[in-house]
């Protein structure tokens, strides 16, 4: 099985059904004995340019491990689904499991509040 990173944009009118759409793709992968290594729902964000008269879209990223037939089935579902307005599939060399930059805290030097409070009480 190969590793893939899949990013797809859900039409803003279908944004409330995003969890159902994600679950459908997870089921397709699970039925074929594939693995979802990372799943991030970035929510609704502004697009750089309008797509099908939509100015926002619901972003989802998945890092999966599956066979070629499963990937073809997922891509066909993207192609014939009205809810998916764009998708991108990238082949990866290995599984990506760490959170993406979109999910990571903006300031990597920030310490948790408990650590800062502990330093203040020691002094």
Protein backbone atom coordinates (compact mmCIF):
# COMPACT_ATOMS: atom_id res chain seq x y z
CA UNK A 1 0.00 0.00 0.00
CA UNK A 2 1.09 3.54 -0.70
CA UNK A 3 0.84 6.74 1.29
CA UNK A 4 -1.15 9.71 -0.01
CA UNK A 5 -2.05 13.19 1.15
CA UNK A 6 -5.52 14.26 0.06
CA UNK A 7 -6.87 17.80 0.35
CA UNK A 8 -10.43 18.51 -0.70
CA UNK A 9 -12.68 21.54 -0.56
CA UNK A 10 -16.35 21.17 0.27
CA UNK A 11 -18.83 23.68 -1.17
CA UNK A 12 -19.93 26.16 1.53
CA UNK A 13 -23.59 25.20 1.08
CA UNK A 14 -22.64 21.63 2.08
CA UNK A 15 -20.39 22.70 4.96
CA UNK A 16 -22.79 21.43 7.63
CA UNK A 17 -22.59 17.96 6.04
CA UNK A 18 -18.78 17.92 6.19
CA UNK A 19 -18.62 15.27 8.92
CA UNK A 20 -20.88 12.94 6.91
CA UNK A 21 -18.69 13.40 3.83
CA UNK A 22 -15.52 12.74 5.83
CA UNK A 23 -17.02 9.61 7.38
CA UNK A 24 -18.00 8.33 3.92
CA UNK A 25 -14.39 8.56 2.72
CA UNK A 26 -13.08 7.02 5.93
CA UNK A 27 -15.44 4.06 5.41
CA UNK A 28 -14.20 3.58 1.83
CA UNK A 29 -10.62 3.46 3.11
CA UNK A 30 -11.46 1.14 6.02
CA UNK A 31 -13.33 -1.33 3.80
CA UNK A 32 -10.21 -1.73 1.66
CA UNK A 33 -8.02 -2.32 4.76
CA UNK A 34 -6.48 1.14 4.42
CA UNK A 35 -5.38 3.41 7.24
CA UNK A 36 -6.07 7.08 7.92
CA UNK A 37 -2.88 8.39 9.52
CA UNK A 38 -3.95 12.02 9.88
CA UNK A 39 -7.29 13.75 9.45
CA UNK A 40 -7.67 17.49 9.90
CA UNK A 41 -10.83 19.46 9.41
CA UNK A 42 -9.67 23.04 8.91
CA UNK A 43 -13.19 24.40 8.67
CA UNK A 44 -14.49 27.15 6.41
CA UNK A 45 -11.87 29.46 4.98
CA UNK A 46 -11.78 32.14 2.28
CA UNK A 47 -10.63 31.07 -1.18
CA UNK A 48 -7.90 32.91 -3.06
CA UNK A 49 -10.26 33.23 -6.02
CA UNK A 50 -13.93 32.31 -6.59
CA UNK A 51 -14.65 28.70 -7.58
CA UNK A 52 -18.11 28.06 -9.04
CA UNK A 53 -19.26 31.41 -7.61
CA UNK A 54 -18.18 30.40 -4.09
CA UNK A 55 -15.85 32.66 -2.12
CA UNK A 56 -15.35 30.31 0.84
CA UNK A 57 -14.96 26.56 1.19
CA UNK A 58 -14.67 23.92 3.91
CA UNK A 59 -11.11 22.52 3.89
CA UNK A 60 -10.24 18.91 4.85
CA UNK A 61 -6.83 17.20 4.72
CA UNK A 62 -6.25 13.45 5.06
CA UNK A 63 -3.05 11.43 5.07
CA UNK A 64 -3.93 7.87 4.18
CA UNK A 65 -2.41 4.54 3.28
CA UNK A 66 -4.35 2.56 0.69
CA UNK A 67 -4.07 0.55 -2.50
CA UNK A 68 -4.52 1.94 -6.02
CA UNK A 69 -8.12 0.69 -6.46
CA UNK A 70 -9.23 2.51 -3.31
CA UNK A 71 -7.57 5.71 -4.49
CA UNK A 72 -9.33 5.43 -7.86
CA UNK A 73 -12.66 4.97 -6.07
CA UNK A 74 -12.04 8.05 -3.89
CA UNK A 75 -11.07 10.16 -6.90
CA UNK A 76 -14.20 9.03 -8.77
CA UNK A 77 -16.31 10.02 -5.78
CA UNK A 78 -14.64 13.45 -5.83
CA UNK A 79 -15.29 13.82 -9.55
CA UNK A 80 -19.00 13.01 -9.39
CA UNK A 81 -19.83 14.70 -6.10
CA UNK A 82 -21.44 18.14 -6.26
CA UNK A 83 -20.27 18.87 -2.71
CA UNK A 84 -16.54 18.65 -3.59
CA UNK A 85 -15.42 21.69 -5.57
CA UNK A 86 -11.66 20.96 -5.65
CA UNK A 87 -9.34 18.14 -4.64
CA UNK A 88 -5.65 17.37 -4.67
CA UNK A 89 -3.99 13.97 -4.22
CA UNK A 90 -0.24 13.80 -3.59
CA UNK A 91 1.79 10.60 -3.31
CA UNK A 92 4.01 10.59 -0.20
CA UNK A 93 7.07 8.49 0.63
CA UNK A 94 5.97 7.72 4.19
CA UNK A 95 3.09 8.26 6.58
CA UNK A 96 2.58 11.81 7.85
CA UNK A 97 1.13 11.82 11.35
CA UNK A 98 2.24 15.11 12.93
CA UNK A 99 -0.18 18.05 12.91
CA UNK A 100 0.08 20.46 10.01
CA UNK A 101 1.08 24.10 10.26
CA UNK A 102 -2.59 25.09 10.07
CA UNK A 103 -3.30 23.22 13.31
CA UNK A 104 -0.02 23.91 15.16
CA UNK A 105 0.16 26.91 17.47
CA UNK A 106 1.38 30.05 15.72
CA UNK A 107 4.09 30.78 18.25
CA UNK A 108 6.29 27.71 18.68
CA UNK A 109 8.17 29.38 21.58
CA UNK A 110 5.00 29.81 23.64
CA UNK A 111 4.99 27.85 26.86
CA UNK A 112 1.90 26.33 28.43
CA UNK A 113 0.27 28.42 31.15
CA UNK A 114 1.06 25.85 33.87
CA UNK A 115 4.82 26.10 33.18
CA UNK A 116 4.75 29.90 33.35
CA UNK A 117 2.81 29.80 36.63
CA UNK A 118 5.26 27.28 38.10
CA UNK A 119 8.22 29.57 37.25
CA UNK A 120 6.51 32.51 38.97
CA UNK A 121 5.80 30.57 42.16
CA UNK A 122 9.39 29.28 42.48
CA UNK A 123 10.92 32.79 42.52
